[in-house]
C-alpha atoms as a PDB file:
ATOM      1  CA  MET A   1       0.041  -0.019   0.153  1.00  0.00           C
ATOM      2  CA  SER A   2       1.168   3.194  -0.997  1.00  0.00           C
ATOM      3  CA  ILE A   3       1.297   6.355   1.308  1.00  0.00           C
ATOM      4  CA  THR A   4      -1.391   8.151  -0.735  1.00  0.00           C
ATOM      5  CA  GLY A   5      -3.621   4.904  -0.543  1.00  0.00           C
ATOM      6  CA  ALA A   6      -2.898   4.935   3.193  1.00  0.00           C
ATOM      7  CA  ILE A   7      -4.156   8.538   3.435  1.00  0.00           C
ATOM      8  CA  VAL A   8      -7.129   7.836   1.363  1.00  0.00           C
ATOM      9  CA  LEU A   9      -8.083   4.828   3.373  1.00  0.00           C
ATOM     10  CA  TYR A  10      -7.741   6.956   6.564  1.00  0.00           C
ATOM     11  CA  ALA A  11      -9.975   9.657   5.126  1.00  0.00           C
ATOM     12  CA  VAL A  12     -12.677   7.154   4.104  1.00  0.00           C
ATOM     13  CA  THR A  13     -12.487   5.191   7.391  1.00  0.00           C
ATOM     14  CA  TRP A  14     -12.637   8.604   9.422  1.00  0.00           C
ATOM     15  CA  PHE A  15     -15.799   9.899   7.529  1.00  0.00           C
ATOM     16  CA  MET A  16     -17.389   6.655   7.804  1.00  0.00           C
ATOM     17  CA  VAL A  17     -16.810   6.443  11.526  1.00  0.00           C
ATOM     18  CA  PHE A  18     -18.020  10.075  11.791  1.00  0.00           C
ATOM     19  CA  PHE A  19     -21.298   9.462  10.050  1.00  0.00           C
ATOM     20  CA  ILE A  20     -22.005   6.494  12.473  1.00  0.00           C
ATOM     21  CA  LEU A  21     -21.217   8.288  15.586  1.00  0.00           C
ATOM     22  CA  LEU A  22     -22.894  11.422  14.595  1.00  0.00           C
ATOM     23  CA  PRO A  23     -26.592  10.638  15.514  1.00  0.00           C
ATOM     24  CA  LEU A  24     -25.637   8.679  18.587  1.00  0.00           C
ATOM     25  CA  ARG A  25     -26.784  10.288  21.874  1.00  0.00           C
ATOM     26  CA  VAL A  26     -28.472  13.085  20.213  1.00  0.00           C
ATOM     27  CA  GLN A  27     -30.995  14.919  22.491  1.00  0.00           C
ATOM     28  CA  SER A  28     -33.464  17.110  20.532  1.00  0.00           C
ATOM     29  CA  GLN A  29     -34.879  20.318  21.604  1.00  0.00           C
ATOM     30  CA  ASP A  30     -38.213  18.769  22.382  1.00  0.00           C
ATOM     31  CA  GLU A  31     -36.589  16.394  24.932  1.00  0.00           C
ATOM     32  CA  SER A  32     -34.511  18.939  26.578  1.00  0.00           C
ATOM     33  CA  GLY A  33     -37.644  21.298  26.887  1.00  0.00           C
ATOM     34  CA  LYS A  34     -35.911  24.366  25.339  1.00  0.00           C
ATOM     35  CA  VAL A  35     -37.322  24.869  21.817  1.00  0.00           C
ATOM     36  CA  VAL A  36     -35.428  27.833  20.053  1.00  0.00           C
ATOM     37  CA  PRO A  37     -38.038  29.728  18.241  1.00  0.00           C
ATOM     38  CA  GLY A  38     -37.677  29.311  14.408  1.00  0.00           C
ATOM     39  CA  THR A  39     -36.055  25.908  14.613  1.00  0.00           C
ATOM     40  CA  PRO A  40     -37.851  22.593  14.375  1.00  0.00           C
ATOM     41  CA  ARG A  41     -38.551  20.687  17.667  1.00  0.00           C
ATOM     42  CA  GLY A  42     -36.205  17.779  16.542  1.00  0.00           C
ATOM     43  CA  ALA A  43     -33.249  19.988  16.123  1.00  0.00           C
ATOM     44  CA  PRO A  44     -30.223  18.955  18.387  1.00  0.00           C
ATOM     45  CA  ALA A  45     -30.416  20.832  21.643  1.00  0.00           C
ATOM     46  CA  GLY A  46     -26.595  20.679  22.269  1.00  0.00           C
ATOM     47  CA  TYR A  47     -23.577  21.323  20.030  1.00  0.00           C
ATOM     48  CA  VAL A  48     -21.122  18.303  20.582  1.00  0.00           C
ATOM     49  CA  ILE A  49     -19.553  18.129  17.183  1.00  0.00           C
ATOM     50  CA  ARG A  50     -15.758  18.770  18.938  1.00  0.00           C
ATOM     51  CA  ARG A  51     -16.321  15.555  21.129  1.00  0.00           C
ATOM     52  CA  LYS A  52     -17.665  13.495  18.453  1.00  0.00           C
ATOM     53  CA  ALA A  53     -14.655  14.629  16.021  1.00  0.00           C
ATOM     54  CA  TRP A  54     -12.206  13.474  18.859  1.00  0.00           C
ATOM     55  CA  LEU A  55     -14.100  10.060  19.317  1.00  0.00           C
ATOM     56  CA  THR A  56     -13.977   9.627  15.540  1.00  0.00           C
ATOM     57  CA  THR A  57     -10.292  10.151  15.492  1.00  0.00           C
ATOM     58  CA  LEU A  58      -9.854   7.549  18.155  1.00  0.00           C
ATOM     59  CA  TRP A  59     -12.152   4.980  16.712  1.00  0.00           C
ATOM     60  CA  GLY A  60     -11.310   5.736  13.131  1.00  0.00           C
ATOM     61  CA  THR A  61      -7.445   5.407  13.703  1.00  0.00           C
ATOM     62  CA  LEU A  62      -7.982   1.997  15.668  1.00  0.00           C
ATOM     63  CA  VAL A  63     -10.243   0.793  12.523  1.00  0.00           C
ATOM     64  CA  TRP A  64      -7.573   2.147  10.128  1.00  0.00           C
ATOM     65  CA  ALA A  65      -4.814   0.391  12.055  1.00  0.00           C
ATOM     66  CA  VAL A  66      -6.828  -2.809  11.711  1.00  0.00           C
ATOM     67  CA  LEU A  67      -7.575  -2.611   8.045  1.00  0.00           C
ATOM     68  CA  CYS A  68      -3.767  -1.447   7.272  1.00  0.00           C
ATOM     69  CA  GLY A  69      -2.695  -4.720   9.011  1.00  0.00           C
ATOM     70  CA  ILE A  70      -5.022  -6.728   7.168  1.00  0.00           C
ATOM     71  CA  ILE A  71      -3.958  -5.148   3.756  1.00  0.00           C
ATOM     72  CA  LEU A  72      -0.309  -5.117   4.424  1.00  0.00           C
ATOM     73  CA  SER A  73      -0.088  -8.789   5.716  1.00  0.00           C
ATOM     74  CA  GLY A  74      -1.660 -10.068   2.534  1.00  0.00           C
ATOM     75  CA  ALA A  75      -4.573 -11.681   4.239  1.00  0.00           C
ATOM     76  CA  ILE A  76      -7.112 -10.003   1.566  1.00  0.00           C
ATOM     77  CA  SER A  77      -5.922  -8.913  -1.646  1.00  0.00           C
ATOM     78  CA  LEU A  78      -7.595  -7.481  -4.756  1.00  0.00           C
ATOM     79  CA  ARG A  79      -7.720 -11.300  -6.059  1.00  0.00           C
ATOM     80  CA  ASP A  80      -9.831 -12.227  -3.398  1.00  0.00           C
ATOM     81  CA  ILE A  81     -12.545  -9.549  -4.211  1.00  0.00           C
ATOM     82  CA  ASP A  82     -12.514 -10.225  -8.015  1.00  0.00           C
ATOM     83  CA  VAL A  83     -15.787 -11.786  -8.204  1.00  0.00           C
ATOM     84  CA  MET A  84     -16.180 -11.113 -12.066  1.00  0.00           C
ATOM     85  CA  GLY A  85     -12.886 -12.947 -12.661  1.00  0.00           C
ATOM     86  CA  ARG A  86     -11.307 -10.238 -14.531  1.00  0.00           C
ATOM     87  CA  MET A  87      -7.751 -10.147 -13.093  1.00  0.00           C
ATOM     88  CA  PRO A  88      -5.261 -12.424 -14.865  1.00  0.00           C
ATOM     89  CA  PRO A  89      -4.226 -15.588 -12.992  1.00  0.00           C
ATOM     90  CA  GLN A  90      -1.201 -14.973 -10.642  1.00  0.00           C
ATOM     91  CA  PRO A  91       1.826 -16.530 -12.139  1.00  0.00           C
ATOM     92  CA  ALA A  92       3.271 -19.567 -10.155  1.00  0.00           C
ATOM     93  CA  PHE A  93       6.997 -18.910  -9.246  1.00  0.00           C
END
């Protein structure tokens, strides 16, 4: 895996983990009892993006390290996920 591939894998992993964590533990304005005029009742009551970004960085880095380990060890390669059989056969050495 190249450095660029590792960076792209980290970015994709980070955003996937971020979008998974984003809706967790969200309290709406209706649940908190403080509805700001002009906003829907289901709008978030608190602003916790910084905390979720830190949690995403922690979990995303762990997931990325596991994925990099799997890729670099050779346990899973492109030939393993070639379901259409379009890659040429690997030469036997």
